[in-house]
Amino acid sequence: MQQSSGSITVRLFAALREQAGWDQRSWPLTSGADALSVWQALGFGDAIPDGTRIAINQEFESPRQQLQQGDELAFLPPISGG
């Protein structure tokens, strides 16, 4: 088990928010955590679906970008519309 090193804020948008039943929560940050590991810990699956955008502190980043204490991590699924 990895040691906790603070917390981050996780935000979900659109269909992800509806699926989870929440839009924002504090999440324990473990050493070496990245967006993919948080996605998996949230129970959304082993891989982040194509088209889902990852934002860390309101800037688009790679799912493998390491997270730091106090970061805001947002998952934005593809938006359809016309």
PDB file of N, CA and C in Angstrom:
ATOM      1  N   MET A   1       0.845  -1.186   0.000  1.00  0.00           N
ATOM      2  CA  MET A   1       0.000   0.000   0.000  1.00  0.00           C
ATOM      3  C   MET A   1       0.887   1.244   0.000  1.00  0.00           C
ATOM      4  N   GLN A   2       0.498   2.210  -0.836  1.00  0.00           N
ATOM      5  CA  GLN A   2       1.286   3.427  -0.915  1.00  0.00           C
ATOM      6  C   GLN A   2       0.857   4.399   0.174  1.00  0.00           C
ATOM      7  N   GLN A   3       1.807   5.165   0.628  1.00  0.00           N
ATOM      8  CA  GLN A   3       1.573   6.104   1.710  1.00  0.00           C
ATOM      9  C   GLN A   3       0.808   7.326   1.214  1.00  0.00           C
ATOM     10  N   SER A   4      -0.099   7.814   2.030  1.00  0.00           N
ATOM     11  CA  SER A   4      -0.849   9.024   1.703  1.00  0.00           C
ATOM     12  C   SER A   4       0.058  10.236   1.837  1.00  0.00           C
ATOM     13  N   SER A   5      -0.087  11.166   0.896  1.00  0.00           N
ATOM     14  CA  SER A   5       0.718  12.389   0.956  1.00  0.00           C
ATOM     15  C   SER A   5      -0.170  13.603   0.735  1.00  0.00           C
ATOM     16  N   GLY A   6      -1.286  13.681   1.462  1.00  0.00           N
ATOM     17  CA  GLY A   6      -2.174  14.817   1.351  1.00  0.00           C
ATOM     18  C   GLY A   6      -3.420  14.462   0.564  1.00  0.00           C
ATOM     19  N   SER A   7      -4.001  15.480  -0.060  1.00  0.00           N
ATOM     20  CA  SER A   7      -5.215  15.241  -0.826  1.00  0.00           C
ATOM     21  C   SER A   7      -5.272  16.149  -2.043  1.00  0.00           C
ATOM     22  N   ILE A   8      -6.145  15.771  -2.964  1.00  0.00           N
ATOM     23  CA  ILE A   8      -6.418  16.557  -4.155  1.00  0.00           C
ATOM     24  C   ILE A   8      -7.929  16.744  -4.234  1.00  0.00           C
ATOM     25  N   THR A   9      -8.378  17.603  -5.110  1.00  0.00           N
ATOM     26  CA  THR A   9      -9.793  17.754  -5.409  1.00  0.00           C
ATOM     27  C   THR A   9     -10.052  17.099  -6.753  1.00  0.00           C
ATOM     28  N   VAL A  10     -11.024  16.203  -6.786  1.00  0.00           N
ATOM     29  CA  VAL A  10     -11.408  15.543  -8.034  1.00  0.00           C
ATOM     30  C   VAL A  10     -12.751  16.117  -8.462  1.00  0.00           C
ATOM     31  N   ARG A  11     -12.833  16.522  -9.742  1.00  0.00           N
ATOM     32  CA  ARG A  11     -14.076  17.051 -10.296  1.00  0.00           C
ATOM     33  C   ARG A  11     -14.484  16.198 -11.490  1.00  0.00           C
ATOM     34  N   LEU A  12     -15.770  15.918 -11.571  1.00  0.00           N
ATOM     35  CA  LEU A  12     -16.332  15.149 -12.679  1.00  0.00           C
ATOM     36  C   LEU A  12     -17.329  16.019 -13.419  1.00  0.00           C
ATOM     37  N   PHE A  13     -17.375  15.854 -14.732  1.00  0.00           N
ATOM     38  CA  PHE A  13     -18.273  16.654 -15.556  1.00  0.00           C
ATOM     39  C   PHE A  13     -19.172  15.761 -16.399  1.00  0.00           C
ATOM     40  N   ALA A  14     -20.324  16.304 -16.784  1.00  0.00           N
ATOM     41  CA  ALA A  14     -21.271  15.705 -17.720  1.00  0.00           C
ATOM     42  C   ALA A  14     -21.667  14.287 -17.301  1.00  0.00           C
ATOM     43  N   ALA A  15     -21.556  13.328 -18.211  1.00  0.00           N
ATOM     44  CA  ALA A  15     -22.018  11.958 -17.958  1.00  0.00           C
ATOM     45  C   ALA A  15     -21.273  11.311 -16.792  1.00  0.00           C
ATOM     46  N   LEU A  16     -20.011  11.656 -16.595  1.00  0.00           N
ATOM     47  CA  LEU A  16     -19.264  11.083 -15.470  1.00  0.00           C
ATOM     48  C   LEU A  16     -19.864  11.523 -14.142  1.00  0.00           C
ATOM     49  N   ARG A  17     -20.244  12.782 -14.070  1.00  0.00           N
ATOM     50  CA  ARG A  17     -20.880  13.313 -12.855  1.00  0.00           C
ATOM     51  C   ARG A  17     -22.186  12.569 -12.591  1.00  0.00           C
ATOM     52  N   GLU A  18     -22.972  12.349 -13.637  1.00  0.00           N
ATOM     53  CA  GLU A  18     -24.242  11.647 -13.481  1.00  0.00           C
ATOM     54  C   GLU A  18     -24.016  10.193 -13.087  1.00  0.00           C
ATOM     55  N   GLN A  19     -23.013   9.554 -13.673  1.00  0.00           N
ATOM     56  CA  GLN A  19     -22.714   8.153 -13.370  1.00  0.00           C
ATOM     57  C   GLN A  19     -22.275   7.992 -11.912  1.00  0.00           C
ATOM     58  N   ALA A  20     -21.418   8.882 -11.439  1.00  0.00           N
ATOM     59  CA  ALA A  20     -20.881   8.773 -10.086  1.00  0.00           C
ATOM     60  C   ALA A  20     -21.861   9.275  -9.022  1.00  0.00           C
ATOM     61  N   GLY A  21     -22.721  10.223  -9.398  1.00  0.00           N
ATOM     62  CA  GLY A  21     -23.651  10.799  -8.436  1.00  0.00           C
ATOM     63  C   GLY A  21     -23.045  11.922  -7.607  1.00  0.00           C
ATOM     64  N   TRP A  22     -21.909  12.437  -8.022  1.00  0.00           N
ATOM     65  CA  TRP A  22     -21.269  13.569  -7.352  1.00  0.00           C
ATOM     66  C   TRP A  22     -20.459  14.354  -8.389  1.00  0.00           C
ATOM     67  N   ASP A  23     -20.146  15.597  -8.073  1.00  0.00           N
ATOM     68  CA  ASP A  23     -19.392  16.408  -9.027  1.00  0.00           C
ATOM     69  C   ASP A  23     -18.016  16.826  -8.518  1.00  0.00           C
ATOM     70  N   GLN A  24     -17.836  16.869  -7.215  1.00  0.00           N
ATOM     71  CA  GLN A  24     -16.543  17.285  -6.663  1.00  0.00           C
ATOM     72  C   GLN A  24     -16.360  16.658  -5.292  1.00  0.00           C
ATOM     73  N   ARG A  25     -15.128  16.193  -5.038  1.00  0.00           N
ATOM     74  CA  ARG A  25     -14.825  15.683  -3.702  1.00  0.00           C
ATOM     75  C   ARG A  25     -13.324  15.691  -3.468  1.00  0.00           C
ATOM     76  N   SER A  26     -12.983  15.700  -2.211  1.00  0.00           N
ATOM     77  CA  SER A  26     -11.581  15.586  -1.811  1.00  0.00           C
ATOM     78  C   SER A  26     -11.186  14.120  -1.942  1.00  0.00           C
ATOM     79  N   TRP A  27      -9.971  13.877  -2.418  1.00  0.00           N
ATOM     80  CA  TRP A  27      -9.505  12.508  -2.640  1.00  0.00           C
ATOM     81  C   TRP A  27      -8.116  12.375  -2.040  1.00  0.00           C
ATOM     82  N   PRO A  28      -7.855  11.285  -1.290  1.00  0.00           N
ATOM     83  CA  PRO A  28      -6.512  11.115  -0.714  1.00  0.00           C
ATOM     84  C   PRO A  28      -5.472  10.913  -1.817  1.00  0.00           C
ATOM     85  N   LEU A  29      -4.389  11.607  -1.681  1.00  0.00           N
ATOM     86  CA  LEU A  29      -3.305  11.522  -2.661  1.00  0.00           C
ATOM     87  C   LEU A  29      -2.263  10.527  -2.165  1.00  0.00           C
ATOM     88  N   THR A  30      -1.981   9.529  -2.984  1.00  0.00           N
ATOM     89  CA  THR A  30      -0.942   8.572  -2.644  1.00  0.00           C
ATOM     90  C   THR A  30       0.319   8.903  -3.427  1.00  0.00           C
ATOM     91  N   SER A  31       1.441   8.510  -2.897  1.00  0.00           N
ATOM     92  CA  SER A  31       2.729   8.775  -3.523  1.00  0.00           C
ATOM     93  C   SER A  31       2.756   8.217  -4.941  1.00  0.00           C
ATOM     94  N   GLY A  32       3.143   9.039  -5.905  1.00  0.00           N
ATOM     95  CA  GLY A  32       3.255   8.615  -7.290  1.00  0.00           C
ATOM     96  C   GLY A  32       1.947   8.584  -8.050  1.00  0.00           C
ATOM     97  N   ALA A  33       0.859   9.087  -7.455  1.00  0.00           N
ATOM     98  CA  ALA A  33      -0.449   9.048  -8.105  1.00  0.00           C
ATOM     99  C   ALA A  33      -0.476   9.927  -9.350  1.00  0.00           C
ATOM    100  N   ASP A  34      -1.214   9.464 -10.352  1.00  0.00           N
ATOM    101  CA  ASP A  34      -1.483  10.241 -11.556  1.00  0.00           C
ATOM    102  C   ASP A  34      -2.968  10.114 -11.869  1.00  0.00           C
ATOM    103  N   ALA A  35      -3.421  10.782 -12.926  1.00  0.00           N
ATOM    104  CA  ALA A  35      -4.848  10.769 -13.255  1.00  0.00           C
ATOM    105  C   ALA A  35      -5.348   9.349 -13.520  1.00  0.00           C
ATOM    106  N   LEU A  36      -4.543   8.537 -14.181  1.00  0.00           N
ATOM    107  CA  LEU A  36      -4.963   7.169 -14.476  1.00  0.00           C
ATOM    108  C   LEU A  36      -5.187   6.372 -13.193  1.00  0.00           C
ATOM    109  N   SER A  37      -4.296   6.487 -12.224  1.00  0.00           N
ATOM    110  CA  SER A  37      -4.462   5.731 -10.980  1.00  0.00           C
ATOM    111  C   SER A  37      -5.686   6.208 -10.199  1.00  0.00           C
ATOM    112  N   VAL A  38      -5.989   7.503 -10.249  1.00  0.00           N
ATOM    113  CA  VAL A  38      -7.193   8.009  -9.589  1.00  0.00           C
ATOM    114  C   VAL A  38      -8.432   7.488 -10.318  1.00  0.00           C
ATOM    115  N   TRP A  39      -8.420   7.524 -11.657  1.00  0.00           N
ATOM    116  CA  TRP A  39      -9.526   6.992 -12.464  1.00  0.00           C
ATOM    117  C   TRP A  39      -9.831   5.551 -12.051  1.00  0.00           C
ATOM    118  N   GLN A  40      -8.788   4.745 -11.941  1.00  0.00           N
ATOM    119  CA  GLN A  40      -8.956   3.341 -11.569  1.00  0.00           C
ATOM    120  C   GLN A  40      -9.486   3.210 -10.141  1.00  0.00           C
ATOM    121  N   ALA A  41      -8.967   4.016  -9.222  1.00  0.00           N
ATOM    122  CA  ALA A  41      -9.414   3.961  -7.827  1.00  0.00           C
ATOM    123  C   ALA A  41     -10.881   4.390  -7.683  1.00  0.00           C
ATOM    124  N   LEU A  42     -11.335   5.267  -8.571  1.00  0.00           N
ATOM    125  CA  LEU A  42     -12.738   5.695  -8.551  1.00  0.00           C
ATOM    126  C   LEU A  42     -13.666   4.599  -9.063  1.00  0.00           C
ATOM    127  N   GLY A  43     -13.098   3.556  -9.662  1.00  0.00           N
ATOM    128  CA  GLY A  43     -13.906   2.441 -10.141  1.00  0.00           C
ATOM    129  C   GLY A  43     -14.476   2.619 -11.530  1.00  0.00           C
ATOM    130  N   PHE A  44     -13.896   3.534 -12.318  1.00  0.00           N
ATOM    131  CA  PHE A  44     -14.388   3.787 -13.671  1.00  0.00           C
ATOM    132  C   PHE A  44     -13.818   2.825 -14.711  1.00  0.00           C
ATOM    133  N   GLY A  45     -12.846   2.010 -14.332  1.00  0.00           N
ATOM    134  CA  GLY A  45     -12.276   1.052 -15.271  1.00  0.00           C
ATOM    135  C   GLY A  45     -10.762   1.112 -15.290  1.00  0.00           C
ATOM    136  N   ASP A  46     -10.170   0.229 -16.089  1.00  0.00           N
ATOM    137  CA  ASP A  46      -8.711   0.130 -16.146  1.00  0.00           C
ATOM    138  C   ASP A  46      -8.070   1.202 -17.009  1.00  0.00           C
ATOM    139  N   ALA A  47      -8.825   1.733 -17.973  1.00  0.00           N
ATOM    140  CA  ALA A  47      -8.261   2.724 -18.905  1.00  0.00           C
ATOM    141  C   ALA A  47      -9.219   3.894 -19.046  1.00  0.00           C
ATOM    142  N   ILE A  48      -8.671   5.066 -19.224  1.00  0.00           N
ATOM    143  CA  ILE A  48      -9.476   6.255 -19.465  1.00  0.00           C
ATOM    144  C   ILE A  48      -9.930   6.203 -20.927  1.00  0.00           C
ATOM    145  N   PRO A  49     -11.233   6.279 -21.195  1.00  0.00           N
ATOM    146  CA  PRO A  49     -11.725   6.158 -22.569  1.00  0.00           C
ATOM    147  C   PRO A  49     -11.176   7.251 -23.494  1.00  0.00           C
ATOM    148  N   ASP A  50     -11.008   6.872 -24.747  1.00  0.00           N
ATOM    149  CA  ASP A  50     -10.587   7.846 -25.761  1.00  0.00           C
ATOM    150  C   ASP A  50     -11.550   9.023 -25.757  1.00  0.00           C
ATOM    151  N   GLY A  51     -11.016  10.200 -25.901  1.00  0.00           N
ATOM    152  CA  GLY A  51     -11.826  11.405 -25.947  1.00  0.00           C
ATOM    153  C   GLY A  51     -12.052  12.057 -24.596  1.00  0.00           C
ATOM    154  N   THR A  52     -11.800  11.333 -23.513  1.00  0.00           N
ATOM    155  CA  THR A  52     -11.930  11.921 -22.183  1.00  0.00           C
ATOM    156  C   THR A  52     -10.720  12.802 -21.929  1.00  0.00           C
ATOM    157  N   ARG A  53     -10.959  14.050 -21.587  1.00  0.00           N
ATOM    158  CA  ARG A  53      -9.869  14.995 -21.336  1.00  0.00           C
ATOM    159  C   ARG A  53      -9.553  15.021 -19.850  1.00  0.00           C
ATOM    160  N   ILE A  54      -8.278  15.229 -19.562  1.00  0.00           N
ATOM    161  CA  ILE A  54      -7.772  15.327 -18.196  1.00  0.00           C
ATOM    162  C   ILE A  54      -7.274  16.753 -17.997  1.00  0.00           C
ATOM    163  N   ALA A  55      -7.742  17.404 -16.951  1.00  0.00           N
ATOM    164  CA  ALA A  55      -7.246  18.738 -16.618  1.00  0.00           C
ATOM    165  C   ALA A  55      -6.711  18.713 -15.196  1.00  0.00           C
ATOM    166  N   ILE A  56      -5.516  19.250 -15.032  1.00  0.00           N
ATOM    167  CA  ILE A  56      -4.919  19.401 -13.711  1.00  0.00           C
ATOM    168  C   ILE A  56      -4.712  20.892 -13.506  1.00  0.00           C
ATOM    169  N   ASN A  57      -5.363  21.412 -12.483  1.00  0.00           N
ATOM    170  CA  ASN A  57      -5.316  22.849 -12.195  1.00  0.00           C
ATOM    171  C   ASN A  57      -5.736  23.667 -13.410  1.00  0.00           C
ATOM    172  N   GLN A  58      -6.787  23.183 -14.079  1.00  0.00           N
ATOM    173  CA  GLN A  58      -7.438  23.851 -15.203  1.00  0.00           C
ATOM    174  C   GLN A  58      -6.568  23.937 -16.458  1.00  0.00           C
ATOM    175  N   GLU A  59      -5.604  23.029 -16.578  1.00  0.00           N
ATOM    176  CA  GLU A  59      -4.798  22.929 -17.801  1.00  0.00           C
ATOM    177  C   GLU A  59      -4.808  21.480 -18.256  1.00  0.00           C
ATOM    178  N   PHE A  60      -5.044  21.263 -19.559  1.00  0.00           N
ATOM    179  CA  PHE A  60      -5.084  19.899 -20.073  1.00  0.00           C
ATOM    180  C   PHE A  60      -3.716  19.256 -19.964  1.00  0.00           C
ATOM    181  N   GLU A  61      -3.712  18.011 -19.470  1.00  0.00           N
ATOM    182  CA  GLU A  61      -2.474  17.283 -19.205  1.00  0.00           C
ATOM    183  C   GLU A  61      -2.619  15.830 -19.630  1.00  0.00           C
ATOM    184  N   SER A  62      -1.500  15.122 -19.603  1.00  0.00           N
ATOM    185  CA  SER A  62      -1.455  13.696 -19.856  1.00  0.00           C
ATOM    186  C   SER A  62      -2.027  12.942 -18.657  1.00  0.00           C
ATOM    187  N   PRO A  63      -2.674  11.784 -18.901  1.00  0.00           N
ATOM    188  CA  PRO A  63      -3.152  10.975 -17.777  1.00  0.00           C
ATOM    189  C   PRO A  63      -2.022  10.484 -16.874  1.00  0.00           C
ATOM    190  N   ARG A  64      -0.788  10.550 -17.350  1.00  0.00           N
ATOM    191  CA  ARG A  64       0.362  10.092 -16.563  1.00  0.00           C
ATOM    192  C   ARG A  64       1.082  11.225 -15.838  1.00  0.00           C
ATOM    193  N   GLN A  65       0.549  12.441 -15.930  1.00  0.00           N
ATOM    194  CA  GLN A  65       1.134  13.576 -15.209  1.00  0.00           C
ATOM    195  C   GLN A  65       0.988  13.327 -13.716  1.00  0.00           C
ATOM    196  N   GLN A  66       2.092  13.343 -12.985  1.00  0.00           N
ATOM    197  CA  GLN A  66       2.051  13.083 -11.545  1.00  0.00           C
ATOM    198  C   GLN A  66       1.319  14.207 -10.823  1.00  0.00           C
ATOM    199  N   LEU A  67       0.516  13.828  -9.844  1.00  0.00           N
ATOM    200  CA  LEU A  67      -0.272  14.785  -9.067  1.00  0.00           C
ATOM    201  C   LEU A  67       0.475  15.223  -7.819  1.00  0.00           C
ATOM    202  N   GLN A  68       0.185  16.437  -7.403  1.00  0.00           N
ATOM    203  CA  GLN A  68       0.784  17.008  -6.197  1.00  0.00           C
ATOM    204  C   GLN A  68      -0.320  17.383  -5.216  1.00  0.00           C
ATOM    205  N   GLN A  69       0.034  17.441  -3.945  1.00  0.00           N
ATOM    206  CA  GLN A  69      -0.923  17.844  -2.918  1.00  0.00           C
ATOM    207  C   GLN A  69      -1.579  19.169  -3.304  1.00  0.00           C
ATOM    208  N   GLY A  70      -2.898  19.229  -3.155  1.00  0.00           N
ATOM    209  CA  GLY A  70      -3.647  20.443  -3.429  1.00  0.00           C
ATOM    210  C   GLY A  70      -4.092  20.606  -4.873  1.00  0.00           C
ATOM    211  N   ASP A  71      -3.658  19.719  -5.775  1.00  0.00           N
ATOM    212  CA  ASP A  71      -4.067  19.819  -7.175  1.00  0.00           C
ATOM    213  C   ASP A  71      -5.572  19.628  -7.325  1.00  0.00           C
ATOM    214  N   GLU A  72      -6.105  20.208  -8.396  1.00  0.00           N
ATOM    215  CA  GLU A  72      -7.474  19.944  -8.813  1.00  0.00           C
ATOM    216  C   GLU A  72      -7.395  19.096 -10.072  1.00  0.00           C
ATOM    217  N   LEU A  73      -7.961  17.911 -10.023  1.00  0.00           N
ATOM    218  CA  LEU A  73      -7.972  16.979 -11.142  1.00  0.00           C
ATOM    219  C   LEU A  73      -9.392  16.891 -11.672  1.00  0.00           C
ATOM    220  N   ALA A  74      -9.562  17.160 -12.962  1.00  0.00           N
ATOM    221  CA  ALA A  74     -10.885  17.107 -13.568  1.00  0.00           C
ATOM    222  C   ALA A  74     -10.901  16.109 -14.715  1.00  0.00           C
ATOM    223  N   PHE A  75     -11.982  15.348 -14.794  1.00  0.00           N
ATOM    224  CA  PHE A  75     -12.217  14.423 -15.898  1.00  0.00           C
ATOM    225  C   PHE A  75     -13.378  14.974 -16.719  1.00  0.00           C
ATOM    226  N   LEU A  76     -13.140  15.200 -18.012  1.00  0.00           N
ATOM    227  CA  LEU A  76     -14.143  15.769 -18.895  1.00  0.00           C
ATOM    228  C   LEU A  76     -14.406  14.807 -20.051  1.00  0.00           C
ATOM    229  N   PRO A  77     -15.546  14.110 -20.022  1.00  0.00           N
ATOM    230  CA  PRO A  77     -15.847  13.176 -21.095  1.00  0.00           C
ATOM    231  C   PRO A  77     -16.157  13.939 -22.387  1.00  0.00           C
ATOM    232  N   PRO A  78     -16.134  13.217 -23.520  1.00  0.00           N
ATOM    233  CA  PRO A  78     -16.475  13.877 -24.778  1.00  0.00           C
ATOM    234  C   PRO A  78     -17.884  14.488 -24.688  1.00  0.00           C
ATOM    235  N   ILE A  79     -18.030  15.661 -25.227  1.00  0.00           N
ATOM    236  CA  ILE A  79     -19.314  16.346 -25.223  1.00  0.00           C
ATOM    237  C   ILE A  79     -19.894  16.259 -26.623  1.00  0.00           C
ATOM    238  N   SER A  80     -21.130  15.786 -26.708  1.00  0.00           N
ATOM    239  CA  SER A  80     -21.777  15.752 -28.022  1.00  0.00           C
ATOM    240  C   SER A  80     -22.740  16.934 -28.125  1.00  0.00           C
ATOM    241  N   GLY A  81     -22.984  17.317 -29.306  1.00  0.00           N
ATOM    242  CA  GLY A  81     -23.904  18.436 -29.513  1.00  0.00           C
ATOM    243  C   GLY A  81     -23.725  18.983 -30.895  1.00  0.00           C
ATOM    244  N   GLY A  82     -24.478  19.973 -31.201  1.00  0.00           N
ATOM    245  CA  GLY A  82     -24.390  20.501 -32.552  1.00  0.00           C
ATOM    246  C   GLY A  82     -24.707  21.943 -32.628  1.00  0.00           C
TER     247      GLY A  82
END
